[in-house]
PDB file of all heavy atoms in Angstrom:
ATOM      1  N   ASN A   1       0.832  -1.207   0.000  1.00  0.00           N
ATOM      2  CA  ASN A   1       0.000   0.000   0.000  1.00  0.00           C
ATOM      3  C   ASN A   1       0.865   1.255   0.000  1.00  0.00           C
ATOM      4  O   ASN A   1       0.751   2.113   0.863  1.00  0.00           O
ATOM      5  CB  ASN A   1      -0.935  -0.005   1.211  1.00  0.00           C
ATOM      6  CG  ASN A   1      -1.880  -1.165   1.205  1.00  0.00           C
ATOM      7  OD1 ASN A   1      -2.276  -1.639   0.155  1.00  0.00           O
ATOM      8  ND2 ASN A   1      -2.235  -1.647   2.378  1.00  0.00           N
ATOM      9  N   LYS A   2       1.719   1.378  -0.994  1.00  0.00           N
ATOM     10  CA  LYS A   2       2.668   2.487  -1.029  1.00  0.00           C
ATOM     11  C   LYS A   2       2.010   3.841  -1.258  1.00  0.00           C
ATOM     12  O   LYS A   2       2.506   4.860  -0.805  1.00  0.00           O
ATOM     13  CB  LYS A   2       3.747   2.209  -2.065  1.00  0.00           C
ATOM     14  CG  LYS A   2       4.608   1.027  -1.665  1.00  0.00           C
ATOM     15  CD  LYS A   2       5.691   0.724  -2.648  1.00  0.00           C
ATOM     16  CE  LYS A   2       6.454  -0.498  -2.146  1.00  0.00           C
ATOM     17  NZ  LYS A   2       7.494  -0.917  -3.025  1.00  0.00           N
ATOM     18  N   VAL A   3       0.878   3.876  -1.940  1.00  0.00           N
ATOM     19  CA  VAL A   3       0.188   5.146  -2.164  1.00  0.00           C
ATOM     20  C   VAL A   3      -0.324   5.693  -0.844  1.00  0.00           C
ATOM     21  O   VAL A   3      -0.144   6.871  -0.533  1.00  0.00           O
ATOM     22  CB  VAL A   3      -0.962   4.985  -3.183  1.00  0.00           C
ATOM     23  CG1 VAL A   3      -1.805   6.240  -3.253  1.00  0.00           C
ATOM     24  CG2 VAL A   3      -0.408   4.630  -4.547  1.00  0.00           C
ATOM     25  N   GLU A   4      -0.954   4.844  -0.027  1.00  0.00           N
ATOM     26  CA  GLU A   4      -1.441   5.283   1.272  1.00  0.00           C
ATOM     27  C   GLU A   4      -0.291   5.738   2.161  1.00  0.00           C
ATOM     28  O   GLU A   4      -0.392   6.747   2.850  1.00  0.00           O
ATOM     29  CB  GLU A   4      -2.234   4.175   1.975  1.00  0.00           C
ATOM     30  CG  GLU A   4      -3.573   3.881   1.352  1.00  0.00           C
ATOM     31  CD  GLU A   4      -3.519   2.789   0.291  1.00  0.00           C
ATOM     32  OE1 GLU A   4      -2.410   2.475  -0.226  1.00  0.00           O
ATOM     33  OE2 GLU A   4      -4.567   2.252  -0.043  1.00  0.00           O
ATOM     34  N   LEU A   5       0.809   5.003   2.143  1.00  0.00           N
ATOM     35  CA  LEU A   5       1.972   5.380   2.942  1.00  0.00           C
ATOM     36  C   LEU A   5       2.505   6.733   2.496  1.00  0.00           C
ATOM     37  O   LEU A   5       2.811   7.587   3.321  1.00  0.00           O
ATOM     38  CB  LEU A   5       3.065   4.315   2.843  1.00  0.00           C
ATOM     39  CG  LEU A   5       4.333   4.597   3.629  1.00  0.00           C
ATOM     40  CD1 LEU A   5       4.038   4.751   5.111  1.00  0.00           C
ATOM     41  CD2 LEU A   5       5.362   3.502   3.400  1.00  0.00           C
ATOM     42  N   TRP A   6       2.590   6.969   1.193  1.00  0.00           N
ATOM     43  CA  TRP A   6       3.064   8.256   0.685  1.00  0.00           C
ATOM     44  C   TRP A   6       2.143   9.375   1.157  1.00  0.00           C
ATOM     45  O   TRP A   6       2.616  10.431   1.586  1.00  0.00           O
ATOM     46  CB  TRP A   6       3.127   8.221  -0.846  1.00  0.00           C
ATOM     47  CG  TRP A   6       3.748   9.455  -1.421  1.00  0.00           C
ATOM     48  CD1 TRP A   6       5.087   9.701  -1.600  1.00  0.00           C
ATOM     49  CD2 TRP A   6       3.069  10.623  -1.869  1.00  0.00           C
ATOM     50  NE1 TRP A   6       5.267  10.954  -2.144  1.00  0.00           N
ATOM     51  CE2 TRP A   6       4.036  11.546  -2.321  1.00  0.00           C
ATOM     52  CE3 TRP A   6       1.735  10.990  -1.938  1.00  0.00           C
ATOM     53  CZ2 TRP A   6       3.714  12.793  -2.822  1.00  0.00           C
ATOM     54  CZ3 TRP A   6       1.402  12.244  -2.442  1.00  0.00           C
ATOM     55  CH2 TRP A   6       2.383  13.126  -2.878  1.00  0.00           C
ATOM     56  N   ASP A   7       0.823   9.147   1.100  1.00  0.00           N
ATOM     57  CA  ASP A   7      -0.134  10.157   1.568  1.00  0.00           C
ATOM     58  C   ASP A   7       0.067  10.471   3.044  1.00  0.00           C
ATOM     59  O   ASP A   7       0.024  11.633   3.455  1.00  0.00           O
ATOM     60  CB  ASP A   7      -1.575   9.696   1.339  1.00  0.00           C
ATOM     61  CG  ASP A   7      -1.988   9.723  -0.114  1.00  0.00           C
ATOM     62  OD1 ASP A   7      -1.333  10.421  -0.925  1.00  0.00           O
ATOM     63  OD2 ASP A   7      -2.977   9.036  -0.455  1.00  0.00           O
ATOM     64  N   ILE A   8       0.291   9.456   3.846  1.00  0.00           N
ATOM     65  CA  ILE A   8       0.523   9.656   5.278  1.00  0.00           C
ATOM     66  C   ILE A   8       1.810  10.448   5.493  1.00  0.00           C
ATOM     67  O   ILE A   8       1.839  11.394   6.278  1.00  0.00           O
ATOM     68  CB  ILE A   8       0.579   8.309   6.018  1.00  0.00           C
ATOM     69  CG1 ILE A   8      -0.830   7.710   6.087  1.00  0.00           C
ATOM     70  CG2 ILE A   8       1.175   8.470   7.412  1.00  0.00           C
ATOM     71  CD1 ILE A   8      -0.861   6.283   6.583  1.00  0.00           C
ATOM     72  N   GLU A   9       2.856  10.070   4.791  1.00  0.00           N
ATOM     73  CA  GLU A   9       4.133  10.774   4.943  1.00  0.00           C
ATOM     74  C   GLU A   9       4.006  12.244   4.543  1.00  0.00           C
ATOM     75  O   GLU A   9       4.574  13.121   5.194  1.00  0.00           O
ATOM     76  CB  GLU A   9       5.217  10.075   4.132  1.00  0.00           C
ATOM     77  CG  GLU A   9       5.599   8.729   4.718  1.00  0.00           C
ATOM     78  CD  GLU A   9       6.510   7.918   3.812  1.00  0.00           C
ATOM     79  OE1 GLU A   9       6.658   8.261   2.616  1.00  0.00           O
ATOM     80  OE2 GLU A   9       7.075   6.920   4.302  1.00  0.00           O
ATOM     81  N   GLN A  10       3.257  12.518   3.483  1.00  0.00           N
ATOM     82  CA  GLN A  10       3.041  13.901   3.055  1.00  0.00           C
ATOM     83  C   GLN A  10       2.244  14.677   4.100  1.00  0.00           C
ATOM     84  O   GLN A  10       2.526  15.833   4.382  1.00  0.00           O
ATOM     85  CB  GLN A  10       2.343  13.949   1.692  1.00  0.00           C
ATOM     86  CG  GLN A  10       3.184  13.404   0.564  1.00  0.00           C
ATOM     87  CD  GLN A  10       4.539  14.093   0.471  1.00  0.00           C
ATOM     88  OE1 GLN A  10       4.627  15.305   0.342  1.00  0.00           O
ATOM     89  NE2 GLN A  10       5.602  13.310   0.558  1.00  0.00           N
ATOM     90  N   PHE A  11       1.242  14.044   4.680  1.00  0.00           N
ATOM     91  CA  PHE A  11       0.447  14.679   5.730  1.00  0.00           C
ATOM     92  C   PHE A  11       1.309  14.991   6.952  1.00  0.00           C
ATOM     93  O   PHE A  11       1.234  16.080   7.512  1.00  0.00           O
ATOM     94  CB  PHE A  11      -0.734  13.787   6.118  1.00  0.00           C
ATOM     95  CG  PHE A  11      -1.520  14.315   7.278  1.00  0.00           C
ATOM     96  CD1 PHE A  11      -2.316  15.446   7.137  1.00  0.00           C
ATOM     97  CD2 PHE A  11      -1.457  13.708   8.520  1.00  0.00           C
ATOM     98  CE1 PHE A  11      -3.031  15.954   8.216  1.00  0.00           C
ATOM     99  CE2 PHE A  11      -2.170  14.198   9.600  1.00  0.00           C
ATOM    100  CZ  PHE A  11      -2.960  15.332   9.438  1.00  0.00           C
ATOM    101  N   VAL A  12       2.135  14.047   7.357  1.00  0.00           N
ATOM    102  CA  VAL A  12       3.005  14.239   8.527  1.00  0.00           C
ATOM    103  C   VAL A  12       3.925  15.437   8.311  1.00  0.00           C
ATOM    104  O   VAL A  12       4.182  16.201   9.247  1.00  0.00           O
ATOM    105  CB  VAL A  12       3.797  12.950   8.839  1.00  0.00           C
ATOM    106  CG1 VAL A  12       4.924  13.215   9.832  1.00  0.00           C
ATOM    107  CG2 VAL A  12       2.868  11.862   9.363  1.00  0.00           C
ATOM    108  N   LEU A  13       4.382  15.641   7.080  1.00  0.00           N
ATOM    109  CA  LEU A  13       5.253  16.782   6.782  1.00  0.00           C
ATOM    110  C   LEU A  13       4.561  18.127   7.009  1.00  0.00           C
ATOM    111  O   LEU A  13       5.226  19.140   7.233  1.00  0.00           O
ATOM    112  CB  LEU A  13       5.766  16.708   5.343  1.00  0.00           C
ATOM    113  CG  LEU A  13       6.767  15.598   5.046  1.00  0.00           C
ATOM    114  CD1 LEU A  13       7.074  15.559   3.549  1.00  0.00           C
ATOM    115  CD2 LEU A  13       8.038  15.768   5.863  1.00  0.00           C
ATOM    116  N   THR A  14       3.241  18.148   6.967  1.00  0.00           N
ATOM    117  CA  THR A  14       2.491  19.399   7.169  1.00  0.00           C
ATOM    118  C   THR A  14       2.249  19.700   8.649  1.00  0.00           C
ATOM    119  O   THR A  14       1.813  20.803   8.983  1.00  0.00           O
ATOM    120  CB  THR A  14       1.124  19.364   6.455  1.00  0.00           C
ATOM    121  OG1 THR A  14       0.265  18.426   7.100  1.00  0.00           O
ATOM    122  CG2 THR A  14       1.279  19.032   4.982  1.00  0.00           C
ATOM    123  N   LEU A  15       2.506  18.745   9.517  1.00  0.00           N
ATOM    124  CA  LEU A  15       2.212  18.908  10.945  1.00  0.00           C
ATOM    125  C   LEU A  15       3.321  19.659  11.668  1.00  0.00           C
ATOM    126  O   LEU A  15       4.496  19.568  11.307  1.00  0.00           O
ATOM    127  CB  LEU A  15       2.026  17.541  11.602  1.00  0.00           C
ATOM    128  CG  LEU A  15       0.864  16.698  11.086  1.00  0.00           C
ATOM    129  CD1 LEU A  15       0.878  15.330  11.762  1.00  0.00           C
ATOM    130  CD2 LEU A  15      -0.461  17.398  11.323  1.00  0.00           C
ATOM    131  N   ASP A  16       2.945  20.356  12.714  1.00  0.00           N
ATOM    132  CA  ASP A  16       3.903  21.023  13.590  1.00  0.00           C
ATOM    133  C   ASP A  16       4.770  19.949  14.240  1.00  0.00           C
ATOM    134  O   ASP A  16       4.262  18.953  14.754  1.00  0.00           O
ATOM    135  CB  ASP A  16       3.134  21.813  14.653  1.00  0.00           C
ATOM    136  CG  ASP A  16       4.039  22.652  15.526  1.00  0.00           C
ATOM    137  OD1 ASP A  16       5.200  22.269  15.776  1.00  0.00           O
ATOM    138  OD2 ASP A  16       3.574  23.708  15.980  1.00  0.00           O
ATOM    139  N   LYS A  17       6.055  20.145  14.215  1.00  0.00           N
ATOM    140  CA  LYS A  17       7.001  19.152  14.758  1.00  0.00           C
ATOM    141  C   LYS A  17       6.769  18.867  16.243  1.00  0.00           C
ATOM    142  O   LYS A  17       7.112  17.818  16.742  1.00  0.00           O
ATOM    143  CB  LYS A  17       8.446  19.605  14.537  1.00  0.00           C
ATOM    144  CG  LYS A  17       8.803  19.835  13.093  1.00  0.00           C
ATOM    145  CD  LYS A  17       8.645  18.592  12.252  1.00  0.00           C
ATOM    146  CE  LYS A  17       9.016  18.858  10.809  1.00  0.00           C
ATOM    147  NZ  LYS A  17       8.124  18.292   9.847  1.00  0.00           N
ATOM    148  N   GLU A  18       6.164  19.818  16.947  1.00  0.00           N
ATOM    149  CA  GLU A  18       5.863  19.629  18.367  1.00  0.00           C
ATOM    150  C   GLU A  18       4.804  18.548  18.594  1.00  0.00           C
ATOM    151  O   GLU A  18       4.676  18.025  19.698  1.00  0.00           O
ATOM    152  CB  GLU A  18       5.401  20.952  18.984  1.00  0.00           C
ATOM    153  CG  GLU A  18       6.457  22.023  19.010  1.00  0.00           C
ATOM    154  CD  GLU A  18       7.656  21.637  19.864  1.00  0.00           C
ATOM    155  OE1 GLU A  18       7.449  21.106  20.975  1.00  0.00           O
ATOM    156  OE2 GLU A  18       8.786  21.868  19.417  1.00  0.00           O
ATOM    157  N   LEU A  19       4.056  18.221  17.554  1.00  0.00           N
ATOM    158  CA  LEU A  19       3.005  17.206  17.672  1.00  0.00           C
ATOM    159  C   LEU A  19       3.526  15.791  17.459  1.00  0.00           C
ATOM    160  O   LEU A  19       2.819  14.823  17.715  1.00  0.00           O
ATOM    161  CB  LEU A  19       1.897  17.481  16.634  1.00  0.00           C
ATOM    162  CG  LEU A  19       1.189  18.816  16.739  1.00  0.00           C
ATOM    163  CD1 LEU A  19       0.228  18.986  15.570  1.00  0.00           C
ATOM    164  CD2 LEU A  19       0.457  18.932  18.063  1.00  0.00           C
ATOM    165  N   LEU A  20       4.788  15.688  17.009  1.00  0.00           N
ATOM    166  CA  LEU A  20       5.348  14.395  16.624  1.00  0.00           C
ATOM    167  C   LEU A  20       6.337  13.855  17.650  1.00  0.00           C
ATOM    168  O   LEU A  20       7.042  14.619  18.306  1.00  0.00           O
ATOM    169  CB  LEU A  20       6.060  14.529  15.277  1.00  0.00           C
ATOM    170  CG  LEU A  20       5.246  15.131  14.135  1.00  0.00           C
ATOM    171  CD1 LEU A  20       6.111  15.301  12.902  1.00  0.00           C
ATOM    172  CD2 LEU A  20       4.029  14.277  13.835  1.00  0.00           C
ATOM    173  N   VAL A  21       6.392  12.548  17.748  1.00  0.00           N
ATOM    174  CA  VAL A  21       7.397  11.908  18.592  1.00  0.00           C
ATOM    175  C   VAL A  21       8.732  11.911  17.843  1.00  0.00           C
ATOM    176  O   VAL A  21       8.771  12.132  16.633  1.00  0.00           O
ATOM    177  CB  VAL A  21       6.984  10.457  18.965  1.00  0.00           C
ATOM    178  CG1 VAL A  21       5.714  10.443  19.771  1.00  0.00           C
ATOM    179  CG2 VAL A  21       6.864   9.578  17.739  1.00  0.00           C
ATOM    180  N   SER A  22       9.799  11.648  18.552  1.00  0.00           N
ATOM    181  CA  SER A  22      11.115  11.558  17.921  1.00  0.00           C
ATOM    182  C   SER A  22      11.151  10.338  16.994  1.00  0.00           C
ATOM    183  O   SER A  22      10.335   9.426  17.108  1.00  0.00           O
ATOM    184  CB  SER A  22      12.200  11.423  18.980  1.00  0.00           C
ATOM    185  OG  SER A  22      12.079  10.168  19.632  1.00  0.00           O
ATOM    186  N   GLU A  23      12.113  10.323  16.086  1.00  0.00           N
ATOM    187  CA  GLU A  23      12.266   9.172  15.182  1.00  0.00           C
ATOM    188  C   GLU A  23      12.536   7.892  15.984  1.00  0.00           C
ATOM    189  O   GLU A  23      12.020   6.825  15.644  1.00  0.00           O
ATOM    190  CB  GLU A  23      13.397   9.426  14.179  1.00  0.00           C
ATOM    191  CG  GLU A  23      13.558   8.332  13.149  1.00  0.00           C
ATOM    192  CD  GLU A  23      12.357   8.146  12.234  1.00  0.00           C
ATOM    193  OE1 GLU A  23      11.579   9.098  12.023  1.00  0.00           O
ATOM    194  OE2 GLU A  23      12.185   7.024  11.717  1.00  0.00           O
ATOM    195  N   GLU A  24      13.309   8.017  17.037  1.00  0.00           N
ATOM    196  CA  GLU A  24      13.615   6.861  17.895  1.00  0.00           C
ATOM    197  C   GLU A  24      12.329   6.312  18.528  1.00  0.00           C
ATOM    198  O   GLU A  24      12.107   5.098  18.532  1.00  0.00           O
ATOM    199  CB  GLU A  24      14.611   7.267  18.977  1.00  0.00           C
ATOM    200  CG  GLU A  24      14.996   6.140  19.907  1.00  0.00           C
ATOM    201  CD  GLU A  24      15.976   6.595  20.978  1.00  0.00           C
ATOM    202  OE1 GLU A  24      16.654   7.622  20.809  1.00  0.00           O
ATOM    203  OE2 GLU A  24      16.057   5.895  22.003  1.00  0.00           O
ATOM    204  N   GLU A  25      11.488   7.186  19.055  1.00  0.00           N
ATOM    205  CA  GLU A  25      10.232   6.764  19.664  1.00  0.00           C
ATOM    206  C   GLU A  25       9.291   6.169  18.620  1.00  0.00           C
ATOM    207  O   GLU A  25       8.614   5.171  18.868  1.00  0.00           O
ATOM    208  CB  GLU A  25       9.548   7.930  20.387  1.00  0.00           C
ATOM    209  CG  GLU A  25       8.229   7.577  21.029  1.00  0.00           C
ATOM    210  CD  GLU A  25       8.327   6.565  22.169  1.00  0.00           C
ATOM    211  OE1 GLU A  25       9.425   6.359  22.724  1.00  0.00           O
ATOM    212  OE2 GLU A  25       7.278   5.976  22.503  1.00  0.00           O
ATOM    213  N   TYR A  26       9.261   6.776  17.443  1.00  0.00           N
ATOM    214  CA  TYR A  26       8.430   6.259  16.352  1.00  0.00           C
ATOM    215  C   TYR A  26       8.841   4.826  16.002  1.00  0.00           C
ATOM    216  O   TYR A  26       7.998   3.940  15.879  1.00  0.00           O
ATOM    217  CB  TYR A  26       8.544   7.160  15.128  1.00  0.00           C
ATOM    218  CG  TYR A  26       7.899   6.580  13.901  1.00  0.00           C
ATOM    219  CD1 TYR A  26       6.511   6.503  13.788  1.00  0.00           C
ATOM    220  CD2 TYR A  26       8.666   6.098  12.850  1.00  0.00           C
ATOM    221  CE1 TYR A  26       5.906   5.962  12.664  1.00  0.00           C
ATOM    222  CE2 TYR A  26       8.076   5.569  11.720  1.00  0.00           C
ATOM    223  CZ  TYR A  26       6.703   5.493  11.634  1.00  0.00           C
ATOM    224  OH  TYR A  26       6.114   4.949  10.523  1.00  0.00           O
ATOM    225  N   GLN A  27      10.140   4.589  15.848  1.00  0.00           N
ATOM    226  CA  GLN A  27      10.623   3.252  15.499  1.00  0.00           C
ATOM    227  C   GLN A  27      10.292   2.234  16.598  1.00  0.00           C
ATOM    228  O   GLN A  27       9.935   1.089  16.315  1.00  0.00           O
ATOM    229  CB  GLN A  27      12.129   3.266  15.226  1.00  0.00           C
ATOM    230  CG  GLN A  27      12.503   4.007  13.960  1.00  0.00           C
ATOM    231  CD  GLN A  27      11.851   3.444  12.715  1.00  0.00           C
ATOM    232  OE1 GLN A  27      11.652   2.243  12.573  1.00  0.00           O
ATOM    233  NE2 GLN A  27      11.491   4.326  11.796  1.00  0.00           N
ATOM    234  N   LYS A  28      10.391   2.664  17.848  1.00  0.00           N
ATOM    235  CA  LYS A  28      10.035   1.797  18.974  1.00  0.00           C
ATOM    236  C   LYS A  28       8.557   1.413  18.894  1.00  0.00           C
ATOM    237  O   LYS A  28       8.200   0.244  19.036  1.00  0.00           O
ATOM    238  CB  LYS A  28      10.333   2.522  20.288  1.00  0.00           C
ATOM    239  CG  LYS A  28       9.955   1.762  21.517  1.00  0.00           C
ATOM    240  CD  LYS A  28      10.247   2.599  22.762  1.00  0.00           C
ATOM    241  CE  LYS A  28       9.544   2.026  23.962  1.00  0.00           C
ATOM    242  NZ  LYS A  28       9.659   2.891  25.133  1.00  0.00           N
ATOM    243  N   ARG A  29       7.707   2.393  18.651  1.00  0.00           N
ATOM    244  CA  ARG A  29       6.266   2.143  18.558  1.00  0.00           C
ATOM    245  C   ARG A  29       5.945   1.216  17.390  1.00  0.00           C
ATOM    246  O   ARG A  29       5.158   0.272  17.528  1.00  0.00           O
ATOM    247  CB  ARG A  29       5.509   3.457  18.401  1.00  0.00           C
ATOM    248  CG  ARG A  29       5.513   4.313  19.653  1.00  0.00           C
ATOM    249  CD  ARG A  29       4.781   5.610  19.418  1.00  0.00           C
ATOM    250  NE  ARG A  29       4.646   6.384  20.643  1.00  0.00           N
ATOM    251  CZ  ARG A  29       3.845   7.428  20.776  1.00  0.00           C
ATOM    252  NH1 ARG A  29       3.104   7.833  19.753  1.00  0.00           N
ATOM    253  NH2 ARG A  29       3.776   8.066  21.915  1.00  0.00           N
ATOM    254  N   ILE A  30       6.542   1.480  16.239  1.00  0.00           N
ATOM    255  CA  ILE A  30       6.290   0.658  15.050  1.00  0.00           C
ATOM    256  C   ILE A  30       6.738  -0.783  15.282  1.00  0.00           C
ATOM    257  O   ILE A  30       6.056  -1.730  14.891  1.00  0.00           O
ATOM    258  CB  ILE A  30       6.987   1.270  13.814  1.00  0.00           C
ATOM    259  CG1 ILE A  30       6.233   2.515  13.363  1.00  0.00           C
ATOM    260  CG2 ILE A  30       7.100   0.271  12.673  1.00  0.00           C
ATOM    261  CD1 ILE A  30       4.818   2.288  12.881  1.00  0.00           C
ATOM    262  N   THR A  31       7.865  -0.957  15.943  1.00  0.00           N
ATOM    263  CA  THR A  31       8.347  -2.312  16.255  1.00  0.00           C
ATOM    264  C   THR A  31       7.336  -3.044  17.126  1.00  0.00           C
ATOM    265  O   THR A  31       7.033  -4.219  16.887  1.00  0.00           O
ATOM    266  CB  THR A  31       9.720  -2.239  16.960  1.00  0.00           C
ATOM    267  OG1 THR A  31      10.656  -1.634  16.065  1.00  0.00           O
ATOM    268  CG2 THR A  31      10.203  -3.616  17.369  1.00  0.00           C
TER     269      THR A  31
END
């Protein structure tokens, strides 16, 4: 589902960085 993933990634780029977890935390959650 690469199209959906691309859409999500594009949406995340529009968000304020304060709303996002660190890359390390994201990888932990995804695992």
